[in-house]
Amino acid sequence: MAEPMVANAPDRNYWPLTRQRGLRRRYGPDNPLTPLIEAGGLLFSDVCVFANDDFIGTLNLDEWTTGGDAGTGAAAFVAVAGAPNGKIRGDPGTDDNASTTLIGDVEVVTTNRRPVLIGRIGTNTAVANSKFEFGLIDAANNAGAVLVKATPTSNGADYAMIVRDTDDSTSVDLVCDGTTDAIQKVTSSPGITFATQTWYDMMLACNEQKEARFYIDGVFQGRAVRGPDVTTTLAVWLYTETRDDADTAELDVDFVRGWQERVPFSGNAFTT
C-alpha cells in the first residue's frame, strides 16, 4: 500500500519519507555527499518538471495552446509588454459566457505520480460577474471543466480544478471529477476574499488514491476524495469566462510551476 500523504504544503512533493531516511542512513546526515545526492539525484532524476514558466517575453506556443469561445473585444492569453518579472493576460471579451483558455501542449501528468501544481494568478479588472479555473484537465473545453459549480456538474471528464464562479458564489473552491467517480465540490476553508489587482498563489496537489488538496497563499483550504482517474493523462489548464455583458473577466498569470514523481505509486511504471 502506498504511503499516506501529509496535509501540509510539501517542500518538493508528497514524496515518501522512507526515501530521505534511507539516503541519510546510507551516507549519514553529516556526509557532504548527502545534500548533493538529495538535491541533485532526487530533484533532477526522480522528479519530472511538467511546467515551469515565468511568461517572460512572448508566450511560448510550443508549450501552450490558446483557445476559447471569444466574445466582442476578446484577447487570447498573451504576454503583457513591460510587466515586471513577466506575466500573461487573457480576456474573454464582453459577451455573456464568452471564454478564453490556455492548456499545456502535452498531457503528461498522472495523479498516481503525486503531481503538485502552483500558479500565481489575479485579475486586473473588476472581480464581479466572472469565472476562472486553474488546475489539471484531460482535454480543453471552451465552456470550462466545471459546468455548474453550485450543484456541481461537469463539462470535463477527468480534472482537478480550483474554481471561482460568481454564478455560484464569490468563494474560491475545489471541484474534482473522474471517469469512474462522481463529481465533488469542496468549499474553501478558511477561504479568501478575492480582490482585484491582487496576486494569489494557488496550489493543487493530487495523489494515487484520488485525493486532491488545495492551498491559497500557502494556507490549506480543503481535500477532495473523488479526483481524476489516476492513470488518465492530464495537462495544466487556465480558463476565464465572462458572466455578464461587460468586460469583467480578464485574468493575469505571473507564473506556473508543476512537478511530479517520475515513478508512479500505483500501476505499471513503464506503461502508466
C-alpha atoms as a PDB file:
ATOM      1  CA  MET A   1       0.000   0.000   0.000  1.00  0.00           C
ATOM      2  CA  ALA A   2       1.266   3.475  -0.829  1.00  0.00           C
ATOM      3  CA  GLU A   3       2.348   5.706   1.998  1.00  0.00           C
ATOM      4  CA  PRO A   4      -0.245   8.312   3.013  1.00  0.00           C
ATOM      5  CA  MET A   5       0.110  11.943   2.033  1.00  0.00           C
ATOM      6  CA  VAL A   6       0.634  14.624   4.633  1.00  0.00           C
ATOM      7  CA  ALA A   7      -1.818  17.529   4.867  1.00  0.00           C
ATOM      8  CA  ASN A   8       0.867  20.204   4.789  1.00  0.00           C
ATOM      9  CA  ALA A   9       2.356  22.047   1.836  1.00  0.00           C
ATOM     10  CA  PRO A  10       5.317  19.943   0.631  1.00  0.00           C
ATOM     11  CA  ASP A  11       8.946  21.040   0.340  1.00  0.00           C
ATOM     12  CA  ARG A  12       9.263  19.383  -3.044  1.00  0.00           C
ATOM     13  CA  ASN A  13       6.460  16.903  -3.418  1.00  0.00           C
ATOM     14  CA  TYR A  14       4.469  14.411  -1.364  1.00  0.00           C
ATOM     15  CA  TRP A  15       7.448  12.094  -1.511  1.00  0.00           C
ATOM     16  CA  PRO A  16       7.835   9.042   0.774  1.00  0.00           C
ATOM     17  CA  LEU A  17       9.757   9.884   3.925  1.00  0.00           C
ATOM     18  CA  THR A  18      11.478   6.492   3.743  1.00  0.00           C
ATOM     19  CA  ARG A  19      13.447   7.629   0.683  1.00  0.00           C
ATOM     20  CA  GLN A  20      15.018  10.544   2.522  1.00  0.00           C
ATOM     21  CA  ARG A  21      15.621   8.469   5.658  1.00  0.00           C
ATOM     22  CA  GLY A  22      17.272   5.712   3.612  1.00  0.00           C
ATOM     23  CA  LEU A  23      19.606   8.187   1.950  1.00  0.00           C
ATOM     24  CA  ARG A  24      20.637   9.648   5.280  1.00  0.00           C
ATOM     25  CA  ARG A  25      21.159   6.195   6.774  1.00  0.00           C
ATOM     26  CA  ARG A  26      23.333   5.190   3.809  1.00  0.00           C
ATOM     27  CA  TYR A  27      25.615   8.231   3.828  1.00  0.00           C
ATOM     28  CA  GLY A  28      24.916   9.903   7.172  1.00  0.00           C
ATOM     29  CA  PRO A  29      23.415  13.383   7.667  1.00  0.00           C
ATOM     30  CA  ASP A  30      26.867  14.966   8.120  1.00  0.00           C
ATOM     31  CA  ASN A  31      28.391  13.448   4.999  1.00  0.00           C
ATOM     32  CA  PRO A  32      28.845  16.175   2.345  1.00  0.00           C
ATOM     33  CA  LEU A  33      27.547  13.697  -0.253  1.00  0.00           C
ATOM     34  CA  THR A  34      24.120  13.625   1.384  1.00  0.00           C
ATOM     35  CA  PRO A  35      22.844  17.096   0.362  1.00  0.00           C
ATOM     36  CA  LEU A  36      24.419  16.737  -3.092  1.00  0.00           C
ATOM     37  CA  ILE A  37      22.700  13.434  -3.818  1.00  0.00           C
ATOM     38  CA  GLU A  38      19.486  14.560  -2.145  1.00  0.00           C
ATOM     39  CA  ALA A  39      19.294  17.774  -4.175  1.00  0.00           C
ATOM     40  CA  GLY A  40      20.819  16.527  -7.411  1.00  0.00           C
ATOM     41  CA  GLY A  41      19.780  12.905  -7.599  1.00  0.00           C
ATOM     42  CA  LEU A  42      16.275  13.196  -6.188  1.00  0.00           C
ATOM     43  CA  LEU A  43      15.331  16.587  -7.524  1.00  0.00           C
ATOM     44  CA  PHE A  44      16.562  16.110 -11.057  1.00  0.00           C
ATOM     45  CA  SER A  45      16.321  12.350 -11.563  1.00  0.00           C
ATOM     46  CA  ASP A  46      13.286  11.290  -9.583  1.00  0.00           C
ATOM     47  CA  VAL A  47      11.114  14.289 -10.483  1.00  0.00           C
ATOM     48  CA  CYS A  48       9.554  15.296 -13.784  1.00  0.00           C
ATOM     49  CA  VAL A  49       9.020  19.048 -14.090  1.00  0.00           C
ATOM     50  CA  PHE A  50       5.978  19.321 -16.359  1.00  0.00           C
ATOM     51  CA  ALA A  51       5.534  23.112 -16.143  1.00  0.00           C
ATOM     52  CA  ASN A  52       7.970  25.924 -15.391  1.00  0.00           C
ATOM     53  CA  ASP A  53       7.070  29.246 -16.972  1.00  0.00           C
ATOM     54  CA  ASP A  54       7.510  32.842 -15.799  1.00  0.00           C
ATOM     55  CA  PHE A  55       5.985  34.102 -19.053  1.00  0.00           C
ATOM     56  CA  ILE A  56       8.903  36.399 -19.817  1.00  0.00           C
ATOM     57  CA  GLY A  57       8.885  37.694 -23.385  1.00  0.00           C
ATOM     58  CA  THR A  58       6.349  36.087 -25.695  1.00  0.00           C
ATOM     59  CA  LEU A  59       4.045  33.228 -24.743  1.00  0.00           C
ATOM     60  CA  ASN A  60       5.712  30.011 -25.947  1.00  0.00           C
ATOM     61  CA  LEU A  61       3.150  28.386 -28.242  1.00  0.00           C
ATOM     62  CA  ASP A  62       5.342  25.283 -28.447  1.00  0.00           C
ATOM     63  CA  GLU A  63       4.364  24.666 -24.819  1.00  0.00           C
ATOM     64  CA  TRP A  64       0.897  26.239 -24.596  1.00  0.00           C
ATOM     65  CA  THR A  65      -2.240  26.320 -26.751  1.00  0.00           C
ATOM     66  CA  THR A  66      -4.710  29.197 -26.569  1.00  0.00           C
ATOM     67  CA  GLY A  67      -8.411  28.880 -27.331  1.00  0.00           C
ATOM     68  CA  GLY A  68     -11.875  29.611 -26.057  1.00  0.00           C
ATOM     69  CA  ASP A  69     -15.229  30.931 -27.205  1.00  0.00           C
ATOM     70  CA  ALA A  70     -14.167  34.551 -27.658  1.00  0.00           C
ATOM     71  CA  GLY A  71     -16.569  37.447 -27.288  1.00  0.00           C
ATOM     72  CA  THR A  72     -16.500  41.031 -28.525  1.00  0.00           C
ATOM     73  CA  GLY A  73     -13.156  42.669 -27.758  1.00  0.00           C
ATOM     74  CA  ALA A  74     -11.594  39.392 -26.601  1.00  0.00           C
ATOM     75  CA  ALA A  75      -7.856  38.762 -26.450  1.00  0.00           C
ATOM     76  CA  ALA A  76      -6.246  35.331 -26.178  1.00  0.00           C
ATOM     77  CA  PHE A  77      -3.686  34.769 -23.434  1.00  0.00           C
ATOM     78  CA  VAL A  78      -0.582  36.712 -24.400  1.00  0.00           C
ATOM     79  CA  ALA A  79       2.462  38.173 -22.655  1.00  0.00           C
ATOM     80  CA  VAL A  80       1.921  41.675 -21.238  1.00  0.00           C
ATOM     81  CA  ALA A  81       4.616  44.018 -22.523  1.00  0.00           C
ATOM     82  CA  GLY A  82       6.848  45.582 -19.870  1.00  0.00           C
ATOM     83  CA  ALA A  83       5.353  43.638 -16.952  1.00  0.00           C
ATOM     84  CA  PRO A  84       7.894  43.208 -14.115  1.00  0.00           C
ATOM     85  CA  ASN A  85       9.042  39.548 -13.918  1.00  0.00           C
ATOM     86  CA  GLY A  86       6.768  38.748 -16.861  1.00  0.00           C
ATOM     87  CA  LYS A  87       3.093  37.804 -16.961  1.00  0.00           C
ATOM     88  CA  ILE A  88       0.343  36.837 -19.379  1.00  0.00           C
ATOM     89  CA  ARG A  89      -3.254  38.055 -19.623  1.00  0.00           C
ATOM     90  CA  GLY A  90      -6.371  36.560 -21.165  1.00  0.00           C
ATOM     91  CA  ASP A  91      -9.575  38.493 -21.845  1.00  0.00           C
ATOM     92  CA  PRO A  92     -12.764  36.687 -22.978  1.00  0.00           C
ATOM     93  CA  GLY A  93     -14.375  39.964 -24.050  1.00  0.00           C
ATOM     94  CA  THR A  94     -17.748  41.498 -23.259  1.00  0.00           C
ATOM     95  CA  ASP A  95     -20.271  38.854 -24.379  1.00  0.00           C
ATOM     96  CA  ASP A  96     -22.027  36.865 -21.661  1.00  0.00           C
ATOM     97  CA  ASN A  97     -20.410  33.427 -21.179  1.00  0.00           C
ATOM     98  CA  ALA A  98     -17.569  34.157 -23.589  1.00  0.00           C
ATOM     99  CA  SER A  99     -14.300  32.466 -22.620  1.00  0.00           C
ATOM    100  CA  THR A 100     -10.578  32.281 -23.242  1.00  0.00           C
ATOM    101  CA  THR A 101      -8.441  29.241 -22.445  1.00  0.00           C
ATOM    102  CA  LEU A 102      -4.845  28.136 -22.047  1.00  0.00           C
ATOM    103  CA  ILE A 103      -3.765  24.498 -21.885  1.00  0.00           C
ATOM    104  CA  GLY A 104      -0.385  22.826 -21.746  1.00  0.00           C
ATOM    105  CA  ASP A 105       0.537  21.344 -25.113  1.00  0.00           C
ATOM    106  CA  VAL A 106       1.296  17.889 -23.749  1.00  0.00           C
ATOM    107  CA  GLU A 107      -0.705  15.742 -21.346  1.00  0.00           C
ATOM    108  CA  VAL A 108       1.992  14.086 -19.245  1.00  0.00           C
ATOM    109  CA  VAL A 109       0.577  14.392 -15.722  1.00  0.00           C
ATOM    110  CA  THR A 110      -0.958  11.425 -13.902  1.00  0.00           C
ATOM    111  CA  THR A 111      -2.217  11.680 -10.355  1.00  0.00           C
ATOM    112  CA  ASN A 112      -0.636   8.345  -9.395  1.00  0.00           C
ATOM    113  CA  ARG A 113       2.663  10.279  -9.582  1.00  0.00           C
ATOM    114  CA  ARG A 114       1.506  12.772  -6.920  1.00  0.00           C
ATOM    115  CA  PRO A 115       1.679  15.952  -9.009  1.00  0.00           C
ATOM    116  CA  VAL A 116       1.934  19.402  -7.466  1.00  0.00           C
ATOM    117  CA  LEU A 117       0.852  22.473  -9.432  1.00  0.00           C
ATOM    118  CA  ILE A 118       1.434  26.061  -8.293  1.00  0.00           C
ATOM    119  CA  GLY A 119       0.417  29.259 -10.035  1.00  0.00           C
ATOM    120  CA  ARG A 120       0.203  32.957  -9.201  1.00  0.00           C
ATOM    121  CA  ILE A 121      -2.945  34.494 -10.619  1.00  0.00           C
ATOM    122  CA  GLY A 122      -5.029  37.631 -10.269  1.00  0.00           C
ATOM    123  CA  THR A 123      -7.447  39.854 -12.119  1.00  0.00           C
ATOM    124  CA  ASN A 124      -6.679  43.310 -13.461  1.00  0.00           C
ATOM    125  CA  THR A 125     -10.282  44.488 -13.692  1.00  0.00           C
ATOM    126  CA  ALA A 126     -13.461  44.058 -11.648  1.00  0.00           C
ATOM    127  CA  VAL A 127     -13.922  40.664  -9.986  1.00  0.00           C
ATOM    128  CA  ALA A 128     -17.726  40.675 -10.168  1.00  0.00           C
ATOM    129  CA  ASN A 129     -19.566  38.524 -12.724  1.00  0.00           C
ATOM    130  CA  SER A 130     -16.707  36.280 -13.788  1.00  0.00           C
ATOM    131  CA  LYS A 131     -15.355  32.743 -13.606  1.00  0.00           C
ATOM    132  CA  PHE A 132     -11.848  31.316 -13.581  1.00  0.00           C
ATOM    133  CA  GLU A 133     -10.370  27.814 -13.380  1.00  0.00           C
ATOM    134  CA  PHE A 134      -6.827  26.701 -12.581  1.00  0.00           C
ATOM    135  CA  GLY A 135      -5.753  23.098 -12.367  1.00  0.00           C
ATOM    136  CA  LEU A 136      -5.268  19.864 -14.302  1.00  0.00           C
ATOM    137  CA  ILE A 137      -7.599  18.623 -17.055  1.00  0.00           C
ATOM    138  CA  ASP A 138      -7.732  15.780 -19.589  1.00  0.00           C
ATOM    139  CA  ALA A 139      -8.859  17.922 -22.560  1.00  0.00           C
ATOM    140  CA  ALA A 140      -9.613  21.544 -23.374  1.00  0.00           C
ATOM    141  CA  ASN A 141     -13.236  22.683 -23.195  1.00  0.00           C
ATOM    142  CA  ASN A 142     -14.430  26.129 -24.287  1.00  0.00           C
ATOM    143  CA  ALA A 143     -17.079  26.088 -21.546  1.00  0.00           C
ATOM    144  CA  GLY A 144     -14.590  25.111 -18.839  1.00  0.00           C
ATOM    145  CA  ALA A 145     -14.167  21.933 -16.842  1.00  0.00           C
ATOM    146  CA  VAL A 146     -16.991  22.844 -14.454  1.00  0.00           C
ATOM    147  CA  LEU A 147     -20.427  23.433 -15.991  1.00  0.00           C
ATOM    148  CA  VAL A 148     -22.257  24.396 -12.794  1.00  0.00           C
ATOM    149  CA  LYS A 149     -20.243  24.947  -9.623  1.00  0.00           C
ATOM    150  CA  ALA A 150     -23.156  25.165  -7.194  1.00  0.00           C
ATOM    151  CA  THR A 151     -24.648  21.720  -7.880  1.00  0.00           C
ATOM    152  CA  PRO A 152     -21.969  20.752  -9.208  1.00  0.00           C
ATOM    153  CA  THR A 153     -21.971  19.338 -12.750  1.00  0.00           C
ATOM    154  CA  SER A 154     -19.197  18.886 -15.317  1.00  0.00           C
ATOM    155  CA  ASN A 155     -18.238  19.624 -18.877  1.00  0.00           C
ATOM    156  CA  GLY A 156     -14.937  17.765 -18.471  1.00  0.00           C
ATOM    157  CA  ALA A 157     -14.401  14.056 -17.810  1.00  0.00           C
ATOM    158  CA  ASP A 158     -11.256  13.965 -15.629  1.00  0.00           C
ATOM    159  CA  TYR A 159      -9.919  17.014 -13.809  1.00  0.00           C
ATOM    160  CA  ALA A 160      -8.961  18.641 -10.507  1.00  0.00           C
ATOM    161  CA  MET A 161      -9.728  22.350 -10.554  1.00  0.00           C
ATOM    162  CA  ILE A 162      -9.527  25.429  -8.329  1.00  0.00           C
ATOM    163  CA  VAL A 163     -12.599  27.429  -9.351  1.00  0.00           C
ATOM    164  CA  ARG A 164     -14.284  30.759  -8.685  1.00  0.00           C
ATOM    165  CA  ASP A 165     -17.633  31.336 -10.400  1.00  0.00           C
ATOM    166  CA  THR A 166     -19.878  34.221  -9.387  1.00  0.00           C
ATOM    167  CA  ASP A 167     -22.895  32.424 -10.882  1.00  0.00           C
ATOM    168  CA  ASP A 168     -22.493  30.275  -7.749  1.00  0.00           C
ATOM    169  CA  SER A 169     -20.722  32.432  -5.139  1.00  0.00           C
ATOM    170  CA  THR A 170     -17.610  34.530  -4.617  1.00  0.00           C
ATOM    171  CA  SER A 171     -15.783  31.644  -2.919  1.00  0.00           C
ATOM    172  CA  VAL A 172     -12.651  30.096  -4.452  1.00  0.00           C
ATOM    173  CA  ASP A 173     -13.236  26.333  -4.171  1.00  0.00           C
ATOM    174  CA  LEU A 174     -12.032  22.939  -5.400  1.00  0.00           C
ATOM    175  CA  VAL A 175     -14.024  20.824  -7.856  1.00  0.00           C
ATOM    176  CA  CYS A 176     -12.858  17.346  -8.926  1.00  0.00           C
ATOM    177  CA  ASP A 177     -14.302  14.759 -11.275  1.00  0.00           C
ATOM    178  CA  GLY A 178     -13.217  11.456 -12.763  1.00  0.00           C
ATOM    179  CA  THR A 179     -14.464   8.976 -15.319  1.00  0.00           C
ATOM    180  CA  THR A 180     -15.000   6.449 -12.538  1.00  0.00           C
ATOM    181  CA  ASP A 181     -16.187   8.578  -9.617  1.00  0.00           C
ATOM    182  CA  ALA A 182     -18.839  11.294  -9.359  1.00  0.00           C
ATOM    183  CA  ILE A 183     -18.060  14.990  -9.252  1.00  0.00           C
ATOM    184  CA  GLN A 184     -17.236  16.577  -5.888  1.00  0.00           C
ATOM    185  CA  LYS A 185     -17.011  20.188  -4.721  1.00  0.00           C
ATOM    186  CA  VAL A 186     -15.035  21.204  -1.628  1.00  0.00           C
ATOM    187  CA  THR A 187     -15.653  24.690  -0.267  1.00  0.00           C
ATOM    188  CA  SER A 188     -12.508  26.530   0.787  1.00  0.00           C
ATOM    189  CA  SER A 189     -11.895  26.980   4.499  1.00  0.00           C
ATOM    190  CA  PRO A 190     -10.822  29.452   5.831  1.00  0.00           C
ATOM    191  CA  GLY A 191     -11.203  30.846   2.304  1.00  0.00           C
ATOM    192  CA  ILE A 192     -10.285  34.273   0.961  1.00  0.00           C
ATOM    193  CA  THR A 193     -11.962  37.454  -0.229  1.00  0.00           C
ATOM    194  CA  PHE A 194     -10.882  37.566  -3.858  1.00  0.00           C
ATOM    195  CA  ALA A 195      -9.981  41.149  -4.794  1.00  0.00           C
ATOM    196  CA  THR A 196      -8.944  42.941  -7.953  1.00  0.00           C
ATOM    197  CA  GLN A 197      -5.269  43.716  -8.720  1.00  0.00           C
ATOM    198  CA  THR A 198      -4.095  41.271  -6.058  1.00  0.00           C
ATOM    199  CA  TRP A 199      -1.858  38.262  -6.633  1.00  0.00           C
ATOM    200  CA  TYR A 200      -2.893  34.902  -5.170  1.00  0.00           C
ATOM    201  CA  ASP A 201      -0.702  31.785  -5.011  1.00  0.00           C
ATOM    202  CA  MET A 202      -2.863  28.777  -5.846  1.00  0.00           C
ATOM    203  CA  MET A 203      -1.560  25.262  -5.223  1.00  0.00           C
ATOM    204  CA  LEU A 204      -3.065  21.890  -6.098  1.00  0.00           C
ATOM    205  CA  ALA A 205      -1.654  18.508  -5.003  1.00  0.00           C
ATOM    206  CA  CYS A 206      -3.065  15.132  -6.055  1.00  0.00           C
ATOM    207  CA  ASN A 207      -2.240  11.502  -5.298  1.00  0.00           C
ATOM    208  CA  GLU A 208      -2.817   7.921  -6.384  1.00  0.00           C
ATOM    209  CA  GLN A 209      -5.811   7.497  -4.062  1.00  0.00           C
ATOM    210  CA  LYS A 210      -7.791  10.180  -5.961  1.00  0.00           C
ATOM    211  CA  GLU A 211      -7.248  12.711  -3.217  1.00  0.00           C
ATOM    212  CA  ALA A 212      -6.712  16.348  -4.143  1.00  0.00           C
ATOM    213  CA  ARG A 213      -5.706  19.102  -1.749  1.00  0.00           C
ATOM    214  CA  PHE A 214      -5.606  22.809  -2.438  1.00  0.00           C
ATOM    215  CA  TYR A 215      -3.923  25.797  -0.855  1.00  0.00           C
ATOM    216  CA  ILE A 216      -4.284  29.547  -1.300  1.00  0.00           C
ATOM    217  CA  ASP A 217      -1.300  31.693  -0.320  1.00  0.00           C
ATOM    218  CA  GLY A 218       0.189  28.689   1.485  1.00  0.00           C
ATOM    219  CA  VAL A 219      -2.925  28.057   3.615  1.00  0.00           C
ATOM    220  CA  PHE A 220      -4.578  24.630   3.379  1.00  0.00           C
ATOM    221  CA  GLN A 221      -8.170  25.044   2.156  1.00  0.00           C
ATOM    222  CA  GLY A 222      -9.608  21.555   1.752  1.00  0.00           C
ATOM    223  CA  ARG A 223      -9.411  17.997   0.438  1.00  0.00           C
ATOM    224  CA  ALA A 224     -11.427  16.168  -2.212  1.00  0.00           C
ATOM    225  CA  VAL A 225     -11.500  12.361  -2.395  1.00  0.00           C
ATOM    226  CA  ARG A 226     -13.016  11.824  -5.866  1.00  0.00           C
ATOM    227  CA  GLY A 227     -10.349  13.124  -8.207  1.00  0.00           C
ATOM    228  CA  PRO A 228      -9.388  12.154 -11.761  1.00  0.00           C
ATOM    229  CA  ASP A 229      -8.742   8.530 -12.660  1.00  0.00           C
ATOM    230  CA  VAL A 230      -5.151   8.015 -11.581  1.00  0.00           C
ATOM    231  CA  THR A 231      -3.718   6.861 -14.930  1.00  0.00           C
ATOM    232  CA  THR A 232      -5.551   9.408 -17.099  1.00  0.00           C
ATOM    233  CA  THR A 233      -3.051  11.861 -18.578  1.00  0.00           C
ATOM    234  CA  LEU A 234      -3.718  15.495 -17.723  1.00  0.00           C
ATOM    235  CA  ALA A 235      -2.408  18.919 -18.713  1.00  0.00           C
ATOM    236  CA  VAL A 236      -2.170  22.298 -16.993  1.00  0.00           C
ATOM    237  CA  TRP A 237      -5.338  24.363 -17.527  1.00  0.00           C
ATOM    238  CA  LEU A 238      -6.179  28.071 -17.188  1.00  0.00           C
ATOM    239  CA  TYR A 239      -9.609  29.435 -18.022  1.00  0.00           C
ATOM    240  CA  THR A 240     -11.546  32.661 -17.650  1.00  0.00           C
ATOM    241  CA  GLU A 241     -15.163  33.412 -18.566  1.00  0.00           C
ATOM    242  CA  THR A 242     -17.427  36.459 -18.570  1.00  0.00           C
ATOM    243  CA  ARG A 243     -20.604  36.125 -16.513  1.00  0.00           C
ATOM    244  CA  ASP A 244     -22.313  39.261 -17.841  1.00  0.00           C
ATOM    245  CA  ASP A 245     -22.157  41.510 -20.904  1.00  0.00           C
ATOM    246  CA  ALA A 246     -19.282  43.660 -19.606  1.00  0.00           C
ATOM    247  CA  ASP A 247     -15.504  43.397 -19.659  1.00  0.00           C
ATOM    248  CA  THR A 248     -15.055  41.906 -16.169  1.00  0.00           C
ATOM    249  CA  ALA A 249     -13.125  38.673 -16.645  1.00  0.00           C
ATOM    250  CA  GLU A 250      -9.512  39.473 -17.513  1.00  0.00           C
ATOM    251  CA  LEU A 251      -7.143  37.003 -15.869  1.00  0.00           C
ATOM    252  CA  ASP A 252      -3.431  37.630 -15.259  1.00  0.00           C
ATOM    253  CA  VAL A 253      -0.929  34.812 -14.655  1.00  0.00           C
ATOM    254  CA  ASP A 254       2.500  35.595 -13.193  1.00  0.00           C
ATOM    255  CA  PHE A 255       3.975  32.075 -13.244  1.00  0.00           C
ATOM    256  CA  VAL A 256       3.121  28.385 -13.357  1.00  0.00           C
ATOM    257  CA  ARG A 257       5.201  25.578 -11.815  1.00  0.00           C
ATOM    258  CA  GLY A 258       4.400  21.874 -11.826  1.00  0.00           C
ATOM    259  CA  TRP A 259       6.249  18.677 -10.924  1.00  0.00           C
ATOM    260  CA  GLN A 260       5.544  15.046 -10.143  1.00  0.00           C
ATOM    261  CA  GLU A 261       7.333  11.829  -9.226  1.00  0.00           C
ATOM    262  CA  ARG A 262       8.913  10.030 -12.170  1.00  0.00           C
ATOM    263  CA  VAL A 263       7.835   6.613 -10.849  1.00  0.00           C
ATOM    264  CA  PRO A 264       4.103   6.114 -10.136  1.00  0.00           C
ATOM    265  CA  PHE A 265       2.823   4.925  -6.778  1.00  0.00           C
ATOM    266  CA  SER A 266       0.387   2.537  -8.445  1.00  0.00           C
ATOM    267  CA  GLY A 267       0.267   0.737 -11.771  1.00  0.00           C
ATOM    268  CA  ASN A 268       2.994  -0.333 -14.202  1.00  0.00           C
ATOM    269  CA  ALA A 269       5.815   2.224 -14.134  1.00  0.00           C
ATOM    270  CA  PHE A 270       6.598   1.596 -17.810  1.00  0.00           C
ATOM    271  CA  THR A 271       3.096   1.771 -19.264  1.00  0.00           C
ATOM    272  CA  THR A 272       1.212   4.041 -16.847  1.00  0.00           C
END
